[in-house]
């Protein structure tokens, strides 16, 4: 998932839950993905959770609008 905003303002998009996320059919864990949390003027707008124990699930939670 990639969140971008040309204005630097992010709406409250709820908390999407991602399950069964894979890369070429394999869980994300072995690839050691890096969470890129969107920010505006040095303030984080959302936070990406750690991977679940299956290595295929995570959430993206808004921190504020």
PDB file of N, CA and C in Angstrom:
ATOM      1  N   UNK A   1       0.846  -1.169   0.000  1.00  0.00           N
ATOM      2  CA  UNK A   1       0.000   0.000   0.000  1.00  0.00           C
ATOM      3  C   UNK A   1       0.883   1.219   0.000  1.00  0.00           C
ATOM      4  N   UNK A   2       0.491   2.204  -0.756  1.00  0.00           N
ATOM      5  CA  UNK A   2       1.233   3.456  -0.807  1.00  0.00           C
ATOM      6  C   UNK A   2       0.238   4.586  -0.680  1.00  0.00           C
ATOM      7  N   UNK A   3       0.487   5.471   0.258  1.00  0.00           N
ATOM      8  CA  UNK A   3      -0.402   6.613   0.472  1.00  0.00           C
ATOM      9  C   UNK A   3       0.353   7.866   0.068  1.00  0.00           C
ATOM     10  N   UNK A   4      -0.240   8.649  -0.799  1.00  0.00           N
ATOM     11  CA  UNK A   4       0.371   9.900  -1.222  1.00  0.00           C
ATOM     12  C   UNK A   4      -0.668  11.003  -1.184  1.00  0.00           C
ATOM     13  N   UNK A   5      -0.204  12.203  -0.911  1.00  0.00           N
ATOM     14  CA  UNK A   5      -1.090  13.358  -0.932  1.00  0.00           C
ATOM     15  C   UNK A   5      -0.342  14.541  -1.514  1.00  0.00           C
ATOM     16  N   UNK A   6      -0.812  15.082  -2.632  1.00  0.00           N
ATOM     17  CA  UNK A   6      -0.129  16.231  -3.228  1.00  0.00           C
ATOM     18  C   UNK A   6      -0.211  17.480  -2.349  1.00  0.00           C
ATOM     19  N   UNK A   7      -1.169  17.517  -1.432  1.00  0.00           N
ATOM     20  CA  UNK A   7      -1.325  18.692  -0.570  1.00  0.00           C
ATOM     21  C   UNK A   7      -0.659  18.502   0.779  1.00  0.00           C
ATOM     22  N   UNK A   8      -0.183  17.289   1.093  1.00  0.00           N
ATOM     23  CA  UNK A   8       0.421  17.023   2.386  1.00  0.00           C
ATOM     24  C   UNK A   8      -0.602  16.821   3.479  1.00  0.00           C
ATOM     25  N   UNK A   9      -1.867  16.708   3.109  1.00  0.00           N
ATOM     26  CA  UNK A   9      -2.942  16.501   4.068  1.00  0.00           C
ATOM     27  C   UNK A   9      -3.585  15.151   3.777  1.00  0.00           C
ATOM     28  N   UNK A  10      -3.731  14.331   4.812  1.00  0.00           N
ATOM     29  CA  UNK A  10      -4.292  13.000   4.637  1.00  0.00           C
ATOM     30  C   UNK A  10      -5.646  12.907   5.328  1.00  0.00           C
ATOM     31  N   UNK A  11      -6.669  12.445   4.628  1.00  0.00           N
ATOM     32  CA  UNK A  11      -7.982  12.277   5.266  1.00  0.00           C
ATOM     33  C   UNK A  11      -7.976  11.074   6.194  1.00  0.00           C
ATOM     34  N   UNK A  12      -8.941  10.992   7.085  1.00  0.00           N
ATOM     35  CA  UNK A  12      -9.083   9.824   7.937  1.00  0.00           C
ATOM     36  C   UNK A  12      -9.660   8.710   7.068  1.00  0.00           C
ATOM     37  N   UNK A  13      -8.828   7.771   6.699  1.00  0.00           N
ATOM     38  CA  UNK A  13      -9.242   6.689   5.798  1.00  0.00           C
ATOM     39  C   UNK A  13      -9.618   5.429   6.549  1.00  0.00           C
ATOM     40  N   UNK A  14      -9.808   5.540   7.874  1.00  0.00           N
ATOM     41  CA  UNK A  14     -10.132   4.361   8.660  1.00  0.00           C
ATOM     42  C   UNK A  14      -8.875   3.547   8.904  1.00  0.00           C
ATOM     43  N   UNK A  15      -9.032   2.305   9.277  1.00  0.00           N
ATOM     44  CA  UNK A  15      -7.883   1.433   9.507  1.00  0.00           C
ATOM     45  C   UNK A  15      -7.993   0.220   8.593  1.00  0.00           C
ATOM     46  N   UNK A  16      -7.411   0.304   7.393  1.00  0.00           N
ATOM     47  CA  UNK A  16      -7.454  -0.851   6.510  1.00  0.00           C
ATOM     48  C   UNK A  16      -6.637  -2.003   7.083  1.00  0.00           C
ATOM     49  N   UNK A  17      -7.186  -3.184   7.015  1.00  0.00           N
ATOM     50  CA  UNK A  17      -6.499  -4.404   7.430  1.00  0.00           C
ATOM     51  C   UNK A  17      -6.129  -5.184   6.182  1.00  0.00           C
ATOM     52  N   UNK A  18      -4.863  -5.493   6.053  1.00  0.00           N
ATOM     53  CA  UNK A  18      -4.390  -6.250   4.906  1.00  0.00           C
ATOM     54  C   UNK A  18      -4.083  -7.673   5.364  1.00  0.00           C
ATOM     55  N   UNK A  19      -4.638  -8.641   4.682  1.00  0.00           N
ATOM     56  CA  UNK A  19      -4.402 -10.044   5.000  1.00  0.00           C
ATOM     57  C   UNK A  19      -3.992 -10.760   3.724  1.00  0.00           C
ATOM     58  N   UNK A  20      -3.308 -11.824   3.851  1.00  0.00           N
ATOM     59  CA  UNK A  20      -2.861 -12.631   2.705  1.00  0.00           C
ATOM     60  C   UNK A  20      -1.995 -11.835   1.741  1.00  0.00           C
ATOM     61  N   UNK A  21      -1.235 -10.855   2.258  1.00  0.00           N
ATOM     62  CA  UNK A  21      -0.329 -10.080   1.414  1.00  0.00           C
ATOM     63  C   UNK A  21       0.903 -10.924   1.118  1.00  0.00           C
ATOM     64  N   UNK A  22       1.217 -11.091  -0.141  1.00  0.00           N
ATOM     65  CA  UNK A  22       2.356 -11.917  -0.531  1.00  0.00           C
ATOM     66  C   UNK A  22       3.175 -11.244  -1.626  1.00  0.00           C
ATOM     67  N   UNK A  23       4.379 -11.740  -1.814  1.00  0.00           N
ATOM     68  CA  UNK A  23       5.241 -11.344  -2.925  1.00  0.00           C
ATOM     69  C   UNK A  23       5.552 -12.618  -3.683  1.00  0.00           C
ATOM     70  N   UNK A  24       5.126 -12.686  -4.924  1.00  0.00           N
ATOM     71  CA  UNK A  24       5.327 -13.890  -5.741  1.00  0.00           C
ATOM     72  C   UNK A  24       4.873 -15.150  -5.004  1.00  0.00           C
ATOM     73  N   UNK A  25       3.746 -15.038  -4.284  1.00  0.00           N
ATOM     74  CA  UNK A  25       3.168 -16.181  -3.604  1.00  0.00           C
ATOM     75  C   UNK A  25       3.805 -16.523  -2.265  1.00  0.00           C
ATOM     76  N   UNK A  26       4.798 -15.754  -1.826  1.00  0.00           N
ATOM     77  CA  UNK A  26       5.471 -16.016  -0.558  1.00  0.00           C
ATOM     78  C   UNK A  26       5.109 -14.933   0.455  1.00  0.00           C
ATOM     79  N   UNK A  27       5.084 -15.289   1.744  1.00  0.00           N
ATOM     80  CA  UNK A  27       4.773 -14.297   2.769  1.00  0.00           C
ATOM     81  C   UNK A  27       5.808 -13.177   2.739  1.00  0.00           C
ATOM     82  N   UNK A  28       5.436 -12.018   3.272  1.00  0.00           N
ATOM     83  CA  UNK A  28       6.299 -10.847   3.246  1.00  0.00           C
ATOM     84  C   UNK A  28       7.500 -10.966   4.181  1.00  0.00           C
ATOM     85  N   UNK A  29       7.352 -11.729   5.269  1.00  0.00           N
ATOM     86  CA  UNK A  29       8.374 -11.812   6.307  1.00  0.00           C
ATOM     87  C   UNK A  29       9.793 -12.007   5.822  1.00  0.00           C
ATOM     88  N   UNK A  30      10.062 -13.025   4.991  1.00  0.00           N
ATOM     89  CA  UNK A  30      11.438 -13.257   4.551  1.00  0.00           C
ATOM     90  C   UNK A  30      12.047 -12.091   3.750  1.00  0.00           C
ATOM     91  N   UNK A  31      11.198 -11.226   3.208  1.00  0.00           N
ATOM     92  CA  UNK A  31      11.693 -10.104   2.407  1.00  0.00           C
ATOM     93  C   UNK A  31      12.061  -8.899   3.268  1.00  0.00           C
ATOM     94  N   UNK A  32      11.734  -8.963   4.569  1.00  0.00           N
ATOM     95  CA  UNK A  32      12.039  -7.888   5.518  1.00  0.00           C
ATOM     96  C   UNK A  32      11.578  -6.520   4.997  1.00  0.00           C
ATOM     97  N   UNK A  33      10.267  -6.372   4.745  1.00  0.00           N
ATOM     98  CA  UNK A  33       9.770  -5.103   4.222  1.00  0.00           C
ATOM     99  C   UNK A  33       9.937  -3.966   5.238  1.00  0.00           C
ATOM    100  N   UNK A  34      10.042  -2.753   4.734  1.00  0.00           N
ATOM    101  CA  UNK A  34      10.167  -1.560   5.567  1.00  0.00           C
ATOM    102  C   UNK A  34       8.883  -0.758   5.478  1.00  0.00           C
ATOM    103  N   UNK A  35       8.310  -0.421   6.624  1.00  0.00           N
ATOM    104  CA  UNK A  35       7.104   0.406   6.645  1.00  0.00           C
ATOM    105  C   UNK A  35       7.486   1.846   6.356  1.00  0.00           C
ATOM    106  N   UNK A  36       6.779   2.472   5.445  1.00  0.00           N
ATOM    107  CA  UNK A  36       6.980   3.878   5.139  1.00  0.00           C
ATOM    108  C   UNK A  36       5.745   4.633   5.614  1.00  0.00           C
ATOM    109  N   UNK A  37       5.844   5.261   6.770  1.00  0.00           N
ATOM    110  CA  UNK A  37       4.707   5.965   7.346  1.00  0.00           C
ATOM    111  C   UNK A  37       4.606   7.365   6.749  1.00  0.00           C
ATOM    112  N   UNK A  38       3.420   7.732   6.200  1.00  0.00           N
ATOM    113  CA  UNK A  38       3.266   9.050   5.597  1.00  0.00           C
ATOM    114  C   UNK A  38       3.370  10.149   6.650  1.00  0.00           C
ATOM    115  N   UNK A  39       4.016  11.241   6.270  1.00  0.00           N
ATOM    116  CA  UNK A  39       4.144  12.372   7.188  1.00  0.00           C
ATOM    117  C   UNK A  39       3.986  13.676   6.430  1.00  0.00           C
ATOM    118  N   UNK A  40       3.697  14.713   7.164  1.00  0.00           N
ATOM    119  CA  UNK A  40       3.550  16.051   6.607  1.00  0.00           C
ATOM    120  C   UNK A  40       4.206  17.027   7.575  1.00  0.00           C
ATOM    121  N   UNK A  41       5.150  17.788   7.088  1.00  0.00           N
ATOM    122  CA  UNK A  41       5.862  18.763   7.919  1.00  0.00           C
ATOM    123  C   UNK A  41       6.432  18.132   9.185  1.00  0.00           C
ATOM    124  N   UNK A  42       6.969  16.916   9.067  1.00  0.00           N
ATOM    125  CA  UNK A  42       7.594  16.247  10.187  1.00  0.00           C
ATOM    126  C   UNK A  42       6.646  15.581  11.168  1.00  0.00           C
ATOM    127  N   UNK A  43       5.339  15.596  10.892  1.00  0.00           N
ATOM    128  CA  UNK A  43       4.353  14.965  11.759  1.00  0.00           C
ATOM    129  C   UNK A  43       3.801  13.734  11.063  1.00  0.00           C
ATOM    130  N   UNK A  44       3.864  12.588  11.731  1.00  0.00           N
ATOM    131  CA  UNK A  44       3.341  11.364  11.119  1.00  0.00           C
ATOM    132  C   UNK A  44       1.825  11.417  11.024  1.00  0.00           C
ATOM    133  N   UNK A  45       1.314  11.071   9.859  1.00  0.00           N
ATOM    134  CA  UNK A  45      -0.114  11.089   9.582  1.00  0.00           C
ATOM    135  C   UNK A  45      -0.753   9.718   9.779  1.00  0.00           C
ATOM    136  N   UNK A  46       0.035   8.668   9.656  1.00  0.00           N
ATOM    137  CA  UNK A  46      -0.471   7.303   9.790  1.00  0.00           C
ATOM    138  C   UNK A  46       0.670   6.415  10.237  1.00  0.00           C
ATOM    139  N   UNK A  47       0.309   5.246  10.747  1.00  0.00           N
ATOM    140  CA  UNK A  47       1.312   4.310  11.238  1.00  0.00           C
ATOM    141  C   UNK A  47       1.017   2.918  10.687  1.00  0.00           C
ATOM    142  N   UNK A  48       2.043   2.288  10.145  1.00  0.00           N
ATOM    143  CA  UNK A  48       1.922   0.929   9.637  1.00  0.00           C
ATOM    144  C   UNK A  48       2.326  -0.030  10.745  1.00  0.00           C
ATOM    145  N   UNK A  49       1.502  -1.042  10.999  1.00  0.00           N
ATOM    146  CA  UNK A  49       1.811  -2.005  12.062  1.00  0.00           C
ATOM    147  C   UNK A  49       2.934  -2.942  11.635  1.00  0.00           C
ATOM    148  N   UNK A  50       3.429  -3.691  12.599  1.00  0.00           N
ATOM    149  CA  UNK A  50       4.366  -4.767  12.294  1.00  0.00           C
ATOM    150  C   UNK A  50       3.591  -5.877  11.585  1.00  0.00           C
ATOM    151  N   UNK A  51       4.299  -6.750  10.913  1.00  0.00           N
ATOM    152  CA  UNK A  51       3.659  -7.897  10.273  1.00  0.00           C
ATOM    153  C   UNK A  51       3.100  -8.835  11.332  1.00  0.00           C
ATOM    154  N   UNK A  52       1.952  -9.429  11.031  1.00  0.00           N
ATOM    155  CA  UNK A  52       1.379 -10.442  11.904  1.00  0.00           C
ATOM    156  C   UNK A  52       2.254 -11.694  11.890  1.00  0.00           C
ATOM    157  N   UNK A  53       1.963 -12.628  12.764  1.00  0.00           N
ATOM    158  CA  UNK A  53       2.786 -13.838  12.898  1.00  0.00           C
ATOM    159  C   UNK A  53       2.861 -14.665  11.612  1.00  0.00           C
ATOM    160  N   UNK A  54       1.844 -14.544  10.765  1.00  0.00           N
ATOM    161  CA  UNK A  54       1.861 -15.290   9.500  1.00  0.00           C
ATOM    162  C   UNK A  54       2.790 -14.649   8.470  1.00  0.00           C
ATOM    163  N   UNK A  55       3.184 -13.387   8.725  1.00  0.00           N
ATOM    164  CA  UNK A  55       4.023 -12.668   7.765  1.00  0.00           C
ATOM    165  C   UNK A  55       3.258 -12.165   6.566  1.00  0.00           C
ATOM    166  N   UNK A  56       1.916 -12.210   6.636  1.00  0.00           N
ATOM    167  CA  UNK A  56       1.104 -11.779   5.489  1.00  0.00           C
ATOM    168  C   UNK A  56       0.051 -10.743   5.860  1.00  0.00           C
ATOM    169  N   UNK A  57       0.043 -10.264   7.109  1.00  0.00           N
ATOM    170  CA  UNK A  57      -1.004  -9.310   7.497  1.00  0.00           C
ATOM    171  C   UNK A  57      -0.412  -8.108   8.222  1.00  0.00           C
ATOM    172  N   UNK A  58      -1.046  -6.943   8.029  1.00  0.00           N
ATOM    173  CA  UNK A  58      -0.655  -5.722   8.708  1.00  0.00           C
ATOM    174  C   UNK A  58      -1.802  -4.719   8.586  1.00  0.00           C
ATOM    175  N   UNK A  59      -1.746  -3.644   9.354  1.00  0.00           N
ATOM    176  CA  UNK A  59      -2.764  -2.591   9.287  1.00  0.00           C
ATOM    177  C   UNK A  59      -2.080  -1.249   9.056  1.00  0.00           C
ATOM    178  N   UNK A  60      -2.859  -0.302   8.598  1.00  0.00           N
ATOM    179  CA  UNK A  60      -2.419   1.079   8.391  1.00  0.00           C
ATOM    180  C   UNK A  60      -3.404   1.958   9.151  1.00  0.00           C
ATOM    181  N   UNK A  61      -2.975   2.556  10.235  1.00  0.00           N
ATOM    182  CA  UNK A  61      -3.881   3.325  11.092  1.00  0.00           C
ATOM    183  C   UNK A  61      -3.614   4.816  11.002  1.00  0.00           C
ATOM    184  N   UNK A  62      -4.655   5.618  10.765  1.00  0.00           N
ATOM    185  CA  UNK A  62      -4.470   7.073  10.744  1.00  0.00           C
ATOM    186  C   UNK A  62      -4.178   7.584  12.151  1.00  0.00           C
ATOM    187  N   UNK A  63      -3.315   8.582  12.282  1.00  0.00           N
ATOM    188  CA  UNK A  63      -3.017   9.169  13.577  1.00  0.00           C
ATOM    189  C   UNK A  63      -3.824  10.430  13.807  1.00  0.00           C
ATOM    190  N   UNK A  64      -4.055  11.204  12.757  1.00  0.00           N
ATOM    191  CA  UNK A  64      -4.889  12.407  12.808  1.00  0.00           C
ATOM    192  C   UNK A  64      -5.087  12.918  11.403  1.00  0.00           C
ATOM    193  N   UNK A  65      -6.020  13.862  11.257  1.00  0.00           N
ATOM    194  CA  UNK A  65      -6.255  14.456   9.935  1.00  0.00           C
ATOM    195  C   UNK A  65      -5.446  15.713   9.808  1.00  0.00           C
TER     196      UNK A  65
END
